[in-house]
Protein backbone atom coordinates (compact mmCIF):
# COMPACT_ATOMS: atom_id res chain seq x y z
CA MET A 1 -27.99 -46.06 85.38
CA LYS A 2 -25.65 -43.53 83.76
CA LEU A 3 -23.32 -44.39 80.92
CA PRO A 4 -19.62 -44.60 81.91
CA VAL A 5 -17.35 -41.62 81.26
CA PRO A 6 -15.30 -43.34 78.48
CA VAL A 7 -18.54 -43.91 76.55
CA ILE A 8 -19.39 -40.21 76.72
CA LEU A 9 -15.87 -39.13 75.78
CA PHE A 10 -15.67 -41.46 72.81
CA GLY A 11 -19.11 -40.24 71.77
CA GLY A 12 -17.74 -36.71 71.50
CA ILE A 13 -14.66 -37.91 69.62
CA SER A 14 -16.88 -39.89 67.23
CA LEU A 15 -18.97 -36.77 66.61
CA LEU A 16 -15.98 -34.63 65.66
CA ASN A 17 -14.31 -37.34 63.63
CA GLU A 18 -17.47 -37.93 61.65
CA ILE A 19 -17.80 -34.20 60.93
CA SER A 20 -14.40 -34.44 59.26
CA ALA A 21 -15.25 -37.69 57.46
CA GLN A 22 -18.61 -36.52 56.15
CA MET A 23 -17.22 -33.31 54.72
CA VAL A 24 -15.50 -35.73 52.32
CA ALA A 25 -17.62 -38.87 51.83
CA PRO A 26 -20.68 -37.38 50.06
CA LEU A 27 -18.42 -35.35 47.77
CA LEU A 28 -16.43 -38.39 46.59
CA PRO A 29 -18.95 -39.54 43.94
CA ILE A 30 -18.97 -36.02 42.45
CA LEU A 31 -15.17 -35.77 42.69
CA LEU A 32 -14.77 -39.13 40.95
CA THR A 33 -17.45 -38.76 38.26
CA ALA A 34 -17.62 -35.05 37.47
CA ILE A 35 -14.00 -34.04 38.09
CA LEU A 36 -11.95 -37.20 37.48
CA GLY A 37 -14.25 -38.84 34.92
CA ALA A 38 -14.71 -42.18 36.72
CA GLY A 39 -17.93 -44.25 36.81
CA PRO A 40 -19.93 -46.48 39.18
CA VAL A 41 -17.48 -49.39 38.95
CA ALA A 42 -14.64 -47.10 40.02
CA LEU A 43 -16.78 -45.84 42.90
CA GLY A 44 -17.42 -49.43 43.93
CA ILE A 45 -13.70 -50.19 43.84
CA VAL A 46 -12.84 -47.06 45.85
CA GLU A 47 -15.46 -47.71 48.55
CA GLY A 48 -15.20 -51.51 48.66
CA GLY A 49 -11.43 -51.61 48.37
CA ALA A 50 -11.02 -49.05 51.13
CA ASP A 51 -12.96 -51.17 53.61
CA ALA A 52 -11.36 -54.43 52.53
CA VAL A 53 -7.79 -53.15 52.83
CA ALA A 54 -8.50 -52.18 56.43
CA ALA A 55 -10.15 -55.51 57.17
CA PHE A 56 -6.93 -57.51 57.04
CA MET A 57 -5.56 -55.52 59.98
CA LYS A 58 -8.65 -55.57 62.14
CA LEU A 59 -8.41 -59.09 63.55
CA TRP A 60 -4.73 -58.73 64.50
CA ILE A 61 -5.43 -55.36 66.07
CA GLY A 62 -8.35 -56.83 67.99
CA ARG A 63 -6.21 -59.62 69.42
CA ARG A 64 -3.48 -57.12 70.28
CA ALA A 65 -6.08 -55.06 72.14
CA ASP A 66 -6.79 -58.09 74.33
CA ILE A 67 -3.12 -58.95 74.92
CA ALA A 68 -2.21 -55.37 75.88
CA PRO A 69 -5.36 -53.55 77.01
CA GLN A 70 -3.31 -50.61 78.28
CA GLN A 71 -2.38 -49.93 74.62
CA ARG A 72 -5.98 -49.74 73.39
CA LYS A 73 -6.14 -45.96 73.66
CA TRP A 74 -2.90 -45.55 71.70
CA MET A 75 -4.10 -47.95 68.98
CA ALA A 76 -7.28 -45.91 68.68
CA LEU A 77 -5.25 -42.68 68.62
CA PHE A 78 -3.06 -43.95 65.78
CA GLY A 79 -6.15 -44.97 63.81
CA TYR A 80 -7.86 -41.61 64.24
CA ALA A 81 -4.63 -39.78 63.35
CA LEU A 82 -4.09 -41.81 60.16
CA SER A 83 -7.63 -41.15 58.95
CA ASN A 84 -7.51 -37.45 59.69
CA LEU A 85 -4.17 -37.09 57.91
CA SER A 86 -5.23 -38.90 54.73
CA ARG A 87 -8.59 -37.14 54.24
CA PRO A 88 -7.27 -33.62 53.55
CA LEU A 89 -4.83 -35.06 51.00
CA MET A 90 -7.81 -36.02 48.82
CA ALA A 91 -7.97 -32.31 47.99
CA PHE A 92 -5.00 -32.91 45.64
CA PRO A 93 -6.22 -35.79 43.40
CA LEU A 94 -4.49 -36.52 40.10
CA THR A 95 -6.36 -39.71 39.17
CA TRP A 96 -9.07 -41.83 40.77
CA PRO A 97 -6.57 -44.56 41.81
CA ILE A 98 -4.82 -41.95 43.98
CA VAL A 99 -8.17 -41.16 45.58
CA ALA A 100 -8.62 -44.91 46.11
CA LEU A 101 -5.23 -45.10 47.84
CA LEU A 102 -6.00 -42.19 50.16
CA ARG A 103 -9.46 -43.56 50.87
CA GLY A 104 -7.78 -46.86 51.71
CA LEU A 105 -5.50 -45.15 54.24
CA ASP A 106 -8.55 -43.45 55.75
CA ARG A 107 -10.28 -46.80 56.19
CA ILE A 108 -7.12 -48.47 57.51
CA GLY A 109 -7.24 -45.86 60.23
CA LYS A 110 -10.84 -46.85 60.92
CA GLY A 111 -9.78 -50.49 61.00
CA VAL A 112 -7.02 -49.84 63.48
CA ARG A 113 -9.18 -47.84 65.89
CA GLY A 114 -12.44 -49.80 65.69
CA ALA A 115 -11.76 -52.95 67.73
CA PRO A 116 -9.68 -51.26 70.49
CA ARG A 117 -12.31 -48.54 70.91
CA ASP A 118 -15.20 -51.01 71.01
CA ALA A 119 -13.27 -53.22 73.45
CA ILE A 120 -12.83 -50.22 75.75
CA LEU A 121 -16.55 -49.47 75.51
CA ALA A 122 -17.60 -53.10 76.08
CA ASP A 123 -15.35 -53.55 79.11
CA ALA A 124 -16.32 -50.20 80.62
CA THR A 125 -20.08 -50.68 80.19
CA PRO A 126 -22.36 -53.00 82.21
CA LYS A 127 -24.07 -55.64 80.08
CA GLU A 128 -27.51 -54.11 80.62
CA LEU A 129 -26.30 -50.77 79.17
CA GLN A 130 -24.29 -52.01 76.18
CA GLY A 131 -27.11 -51.46 73.70
CA ARG A 132 -27.34 -47.83 74.81
CA ALA A 133 -23.57 -47.42 74.74
CA PHE A 134 -23.10 -48.67 71.19
CA GLY A 135 -26.29 -46.93 70.12
CA LEU A 136 -24.90 -43.65 71.43
CA GLN A 137 -21.67 -44.10 69.48
CA ARG A 138 -23.61 -44.74 66.30
CA ALA A 139 -25.91 -41.78 67.01
CA MET A 140 -22.88 -39.52 67.41
CA ASP A 141 -21.55 -40.83 64.11
CA TYR A 142 -24.83 -39.93 62.44
CA ALA A 143 -24.95 -36.52 64.16
CA GLY A 144 -21.42 -35.82 62.94
CA ALA A 145 -22.50 -36.83 59.46
CA VAL A 146 -25.29 -34.24 59.63
CA GLY A 147 -22.94 -31.54 60.90
CA GLY A 148 -20.12 -32.27 58.48
CA THR A 149 -22.42 -32.45 55.49
CA LEU A 150 -24.23 -29.22 56.36
CA ILE A 151 -20.91 -27.45 56.90
CA ALA A 152 -19.72 -28.58 53.45
CA ALA A 153 -23.04 -27.59 51.86
CA ALA A 154 -22.97 -24.15 53.49
CA ILE A 155 -19.41 -23.51 52.32
CA LEU A 156 -20.19 -24.52 48.73
CA ALA A 157 -23.42 -22.49 48.70
CA THR A 158 -22.03 -19.27 50.19
CA SER A 159 -18.42 -19.13 48.99
CA THR A 160 -16.34 -19.57 45.87
CA LEU A 161 -14.41 -22.53 47.29
CA SER A 162 -14.23 -25.63 45.11
CA ILE A 163 -14.92 -29.22 46.19
CA PRO A 164 -11.18 -30.01 46.65
CA GLN A 165 -10.79 -26.87 48.79
CA VAL A 166 -13.71 -27.92 51.00
CA ILE A 167 -12.08 -31.33 51.43
CA LEU A 168 -8.87 -29.61 52.54
CA LEU A 169 -10.75 -27.92 55.40
CA THR A 170 -11.35 -31.31 57.05
CA ILE A 171 -7.94 -30.95 58.63
CA ILE A 172 -9.47 -28.59 61.25
CA PRO A 173 -11.86 -31.01 63.03
CA GLY A 174 -9.31 -33.76 62.45
CA ILE A 175 -6.69 -31.96 64.52
CA VAL A 176 -9.22 -31.43 67.32
CA VAL A 177 -10.04 -35.17 67.36
CA VAL A 178 -6.41 -36.20 67.69
CA VAL A 179 -5.67 -33.63 70.42
CA LEU A 180 -8.75 -34.59 72.48
CA LEU A 181 -7.97 -38.30 72.36
CA ALA A 182 -4.30 -37.71 73.16
CA LEU A 183 -5.30 -35.75 76.29
CA MET A 184 -7.98 -38.26 77.40
CA PRO A 185 -7.00 -40.47 80.37
CA ASN A 186 -6.30 -44.06 79.37
CA PRO A 187 -9.48 -46.02 80.32
CA ALA A 188 -7.58 -49.34 80.37
CA GLN A 189 -4.72 -48.20 82.57
CA VAL A 190 -6.43 -49.38 85.77
CA GLY A 191 -6.45 -53.15 85.97
CA ALA A 192 -4.30 -53.55 82.88
CA THR A 193 -1.79 -55.79 84.63
CA LYS A 194 -4.50 -58.18 85.70
CA ALA A 195 -5.91 -58.26 82.18
CA GLN A 196 -2.51 -59.04 80.71
CA ASN A 197 -2.38 -62.28 82.72
CA VAL A 198 -5.58 -63.60 81.13
CA PRO A 199 -4.81 -66.07 78.29
CA VAL A 200 -5.84 -64.80 74.86
CA PRO A 201 -7.02 -67.40 72.31
CA ALA A 202 -5.06 -67.86 69.08
CA LEU A 203 -6.24 -66.33 65.82
CA ASN A 204 -8.21 -69.43 64.92
CA TRP A 205 -11.76 -69.60 63.59
CA GLY A 206 -12.28 -72.75 65.66
CA THR A 207 -11.90 -70.82 68.92
CA LEU A 208 -15.13 -68.93 68.25
CA ASP A 209 -18.41 -70.08 69.80
CA ALA A 210 -20.65 -71.93 67.34
CA SER A 211 -23.30 -69.21 67.58
CA LEU A 212 -20.76 -66.52 66.70
CA GLN A 213 -19.42 -68.59 63.81
CA GLN A 214 -22.93 -69.02 62.41
CA TYR A 215 -23.77 -65.37 62.72
CA LEU A 216 -20.51 -64.12 61.18
CA ALA A 217 -20.86 -66.56 58.26
CA VAL A 218 -24.36 -65.26 57.44
CA LEU A 219 -23.24 -61.68 58.10
CA ALA A 220 -20.46 -62.07 55.51
CA ILE A 221 -23.07 -62.87 52.86
CA PHE A 222 -25.41 -60.15 54.12
CA SER A 223 -22.56 -57.66 53.78
CA LEU A 224 -22.73 -58.19 50.00
CA ALA A 225 -26.10 -56.44 50.14
CA LYS A 226 -24.83 -53.42 52.09
CA ALA A 227 -23.89 -51.10 49.29
CA SER A 228 -22.00 -47.95 50.20
CA GLU A 229 -24.37 -45.09 50.94
CA THR A 230 -22.32 -42.93 48.59
CA PHE A 231 -24.27 -44.60 45.78
CA LEU A 232 -27.27 -42.62 47.01
CA VAL A 233 -25.29 -39.48 46.20
CA LEU A 234 -24.40 -40.89 42.78
CA ARG A 235 -28.10 -41.56 42.15
CA GLY A 236 -28.98 -38.00 43.09
CA HIS A 237 -26.23 -36.70 40.82
CA GLU A 238 -27.60 -38.83 37.96
CA LEU A 239 -31.09 -37.41 38.57
CA GLY A 240 -29.81 -33.85 38.10
CA MET A 241 -29.18 -32.74 41.68
CA ASP A 242 -26.27 -30.31 42.14
CA ALA A 243 -23.53 -30.58 44.79
CA VAL A 244 -25.40 -28.60 47.45
CA GLN A 245 -28.61 -30.58 46.88
CA VAL A 246 -26.91 -33.96 47.23
CA LEU A 247 -25.15 -32.74 50.37
CA LEU A 248 -28.52 -31.75 51.84
CA LEU A 249 -29.86 -35.18 50.89
CA TRP A 250 -26.92 -36.78 52.69
CA ALA A 251 -27.49 -34.59 55.75
CA PHE A 252 -31.19 -35.50 55.72
CA LEU A 253 -30.28 -39.21 55.68
CA ALA A 254 -27.91 -38.78 58.60
CA SER A 255 -30.51 -36.75 60.53
CA VAL A 256 -33.09 -39.51 60.23
CA GLN A 257 -30.52 -42.13 61.23
CA THR A 258 -29.46 -40.05 64.24
CA VAL A 259 -33.00 -39.72 65.57
CA ILE A 260 -33.75 -43.42 65.06
CA ALA A 261 -30.45 -44.46 66.67
CA LEU A 262 -31.11 -42.33 69.76
CA ILE A 263 -34.70 -43.55 70.10
CA GLY A 264 -33.89 -47.18 69.38
CA ALA A 265 -30.73 -47.56 71.48
CA PRO A 266 -32.53 -48.09 74.85
CA LEU A 267 -34.86 -50.64 73.22
CA THR A 268 -31.93 -52.82 72.19
CA ASP A 269 -31.27 -53.58 75.87
CA ARG A 270 -34.83 -54.81 76.43
CA ILE A 271 -35.46 -56.85 73.29
CA SER A 272 -33.65 -59.92 71.99
CA LYS A 273 -30.72 -58.72 69.91
CA ARG A 274 -31.16 -61.70 67.60
CA SER A 275 -34.79 -60.77 66.97
CA LEU A 276 -33.80 -57.16 66.38
CA THR A 277 -31.14 -58.25 63.90
CA LEU A 278 -33.66 -60.33 61.97
CA PHE A 279 -36.17 -57.47 61.95
CA ASN A 280 -33.47 -55.04 60.86
CA TRP A 281 -32.33 -57.20 57.94
CA VAL A 282 -35.89 -57.65 56.67
CA THR A 283 -36.62 -53.93 56.85
CA LEU A 284 -33.34 -53.10 55.11
CA ALA A 285 -34.40 -55.42 52.29
CA ILE A 286 -37.62 -53.39 52.03
CA SER A 287 -35.69 -50.11 51.90
CA TYR A 288 -33.34 -51.41 49.18
CA ALA A 289 -36.38 -52.48 47.17
CA ALA A 290 -37.82 -48.97 47.53
CA LEU A 291 -34.55 -47.42 46.34
CA SER A 292 -34.60 -49.65 43.26
CA LEU A 293 -37.89 -48.04 42.18
CA VAL A 294 -36.70 -44.41 42.33
CA ARG A 295 -37.12 -42.47 39.09
CA THR A 296 -37.18 -38.81 40.22
CA SER A 297 -35.37 -36.69 42.78
CA ALA A 298 -38.60 -36.36 44.80
CA GLN A 299 -38.91 -40.15 44.94
CA LEU A 300 -35.26 -40.35 46.01
CA TRP A 301 -35.94 -38.10 49.01
CA LEU A 302 -38.83 -40.36 50.07
CA ALA A 303 -36.81 -43.56 49.57
CA VAL A 304 -33.86 -42.12 51.49
CA ALA A 305 -36.21 -41.20 54.36
CA LEU A 306 -37.42 -44.82 54.48
CA TYR A 307 -33.89 -46.19 54.26
CA GLY A 308 -32.68 -43.87 57.03
CA ALA A 309 -35.56 -44.84 59.33
CA LEU A 310 -34.93 -48.56 58.80
CA SER A 311 -31.12 -48.45 58.97
CA GLY A 312 -30.69 -46.12 61.95
CA ILE A 313 -30.06 -48.82 64.56
CA SER A 314 -28.50 -51.36 62.21
CA GLU A 315 -24.82 -51.21 63.16
CA GLY A 316 -25.46 -50.61 66.86
CA VAL A 317 -27.61 -53.75 67.00
CA GLU A 318 -25.02 -55.76 65.08
CA ARG A 319 -22.19 -54.72 67.39
CA SER A 320 -24.11 -55.34 70.62
CA TYR A 321 -25.19 -58.77 69.30
CA VAL A 322 -21.57 -59.61 68.42
CA SER A 323 -20.50 -58.57 71.93
CA GLU A 324 -23.12 -60.93 73.35
CA LEU A 325 -22.19 -63.88 71.15
CA GLY A 326 -18.46 -63.45 71.78
CA ARG A 327 -18.75 -63.96 75.53
CA SER A 328 -15.93 -66.56 75.67
CA LEU A 329 -13.42 -64.42 73.73
CA GLY A 330 -11.71 -61.18 74.60
CA LYS A 331 -13.70 -58.19 73.40
CA GLY A 332 -10.89 -57.04 71.13
CA MET A 333 -10.76 -60.34 69.25
CA THR A 334 -14.55 -60.55 69.08
CA PHE A 335 -14.83 -57.18 67.39
CA GLY A 336 -11.70 -57.91 65.35
CA TRP A 337 -13.45 -60.92 63.78
CA TYR A 338 -16.59 -58.83 63.21
CA TYR A 339 -14.76 -55.98 61.49
CA MET A 340 -12.58 -58.32 59.46
CA ILE A 341 -15.53 -60.35 58.15
CA THR A 342 -17.55 -57.28 57.17
CA GLY A 343 -14.48 -55.54 55.76
CA VAL A 344 -13.29 -58.44 53.61
CA ALA A 345 -16.79 -58.66 52.11
CA ALA A 346 -16.56 -54.99 51.10
CA ILE A 347 -14.51 -55.54 47.89
CA PRO A 348 -16.89 -58.08 46.30
CA ALA A 349 -19.82 -56.01 47.60
CA GLY A 350 -18.49 -52.84 45.97
CA LEU A 351 -17.59 -54.59 42.73
CA LEU A 352 -20.93 -56.43 42.61
CA PHE A 353 -23.00 -53.31 43.24
CA GLY A 354 -20.96 -51.09 40.92
CA GLY A 355 -20.94 -53.75 38.21
CA LEU A 356 -24.69 -54.31 38.42
CA TRP A 357 -25.24 -50.54 38.32
CA HIS A 358 -23.06 -50.28 35.21
CA ALA A 359 -24.75 -53.26 33.53
CA GLY A 360 -28.40 -52.72 34.42
CA GLY A 361 -28.69 -49.45 36.32
CA PRO A 362 -29.65 -48.69 39.92
CA MET A 363 -32.84 -50.78 39.75
CA LEU A 364 -30.85 -53.98 39.21
CA ALA A 365 -28.21 -53.02 41.80
CA PHE A 366 -30.59 -52.08 44.62
CA GLY A 367 -32.98 -54.91 43.71
CA THR A 368 -30.18 -57.47 44.05
CA SER A 369 -29.23 -56.01 47.43
CA ALA A 370 -32.84 -56.38 48.58
CA ALA A 371 -32.92 -60.03 47.53
CA ILE A 372 -29.61 -60.84 49.27
CA ALA A 373 -30.70 -59.13 52.50
CA LEU A 374 -34.01 -60.98 52.57
CA ILE A 375 -32.41 -64.37 51.89
CA CYS A 376 -29.87 -63.81 54.70
CA ALA A 377 -32.63 -62.85 57.12
CA VAL A 378 -34.44 -66.11 56.31
CA VAL A 379 -31.24 -68.15 56.75
CA LEU A 380 -30.40 -66.51 60.09
CA GLY A 381 -33.96 -67.07 61.26
CA LEU A 382 -33.72 -70.78 60.47
CA LEU A 383 -30.43 -71.26 62.33
CA LYS A 384 -30.62 -72.53 65.91
CA PRO A 385 -29.31 -69.82 68.26
CA ASN A 386 -27.26 -72.39 70.25
CA GLY A 387 -28.12 -71.37 73.74
CA ILE A 388 -28.40 -67.64 73.17
CA SER A 389 -31.51 -66.70 75.05
CA GLY A 390 -34.25 -64.42 73.86
CA GLY A 391 -35.25 -61.33 75.75
CA ALA A 392 -32.64 -58.76 76.55
CA ALA A 393 -29.81 -61.24 76.83
C-alpha cells in the first residue's frame, strides 16, 4: 500500500523546515560558549526551557485540533511560521537570555504545529501503515538535519561569513516552508463537519486509558535521560574541534539516524511497538554509557555513530505507540498529552544534565542518563500492558 498524499507532503515540509532548524541548532553551543561566554548550565536552560515553554500549549492545541479538525492545517501553519520567524533573529544576540527567549519562541512554534500535524497524519493513514508514516516524517527530519548542517558547514568553510550571518540565512528555507504549507490543500476539510459532531473528552488525566497513563508516566521519567543532542556539539568543542568539524559531526549523526529511520520504519508495523520501545530504551542506555567514556575526538565520532544507530527510530516508535495506546481519545489530544509530558520534563532534564556536566563533567552527565534510561526500561517491562496486544498491534 502507498502512503497517503498528506504524509508525503508533510514529509517534504519537514525536510525543508529541518534544514532551516539545523543550520541553527548545532551552532548554538558555540554561539553561547565561544561568543556569549555561557556554559553547560546555560545551554541546559536554553534547550530545556525552550521545550518546556512549548509544552504548556501542546495539550490545549491537541484538544483544539480534535474539536475543529478543519483548523489543523492553519494551526500547523502558524507553528511553522513562528519557528521560522524566530530562528533568523538569533543572528542578533546581545546576551544568552535573549537567545533563550528566541529559542523558546522557536519551540513554541514546534509545540503548536506538532499535535495538529500528527493528528492529520494519524487520521489520514491506515493503522497498518502508521509506523511507516511516522517513520518517514522522522527520516525527513533527519535528512533535513544532514542538509542544513552541511549547508552551514560549507558556508563557514568557503566564505568569510560569521556564525550569526549563517544563522540569518535560515530565513530562506523558512519562507519556502511557510509558502508550501499555505498553498497545500487542507487535508481535514473533507469530513470536517462530521468530525466536529464527535464529543471530545475534557482535558482530564482520568480520561486517558490506563495503558496510556502508565506509559506516559514512565516516559516522563525517561525524558530526564534524553539530553539535548546539542551537548554532543559542546563535547566536540571541548575536545578541540572547530565549528566546521562539529557541524560535520552533527551531519554524520543525522545521516546515520536518517538511514536507520528509513530502514526501521517498515519494521515498526510488523513488530510489537511496546517491545520495540523497550528495546529502544535499553539500547539508548547503552549509547549514553558509550558517550560517557569518550576522551578523544576520534572516540566521539565512534560513540556518535553508535548513538545515531540506536536512536534512529526512537521518536517514530514512541509516536506510533502513543497513537496505538490513545485509541479511545481524539488523535489531537493523544499527541497533545504526549508532547506536553515530554516537553514539561525538558526543563528538569536540561538543568539536571547541564548541572551534572558542570559538577562532574560529561562522564557523570551521560552516565546518569544511561542509568535513568535503563531503569525506565525495566519499569516499563514490568508493567502489565492492559490489553495491548503484542505483534504489530
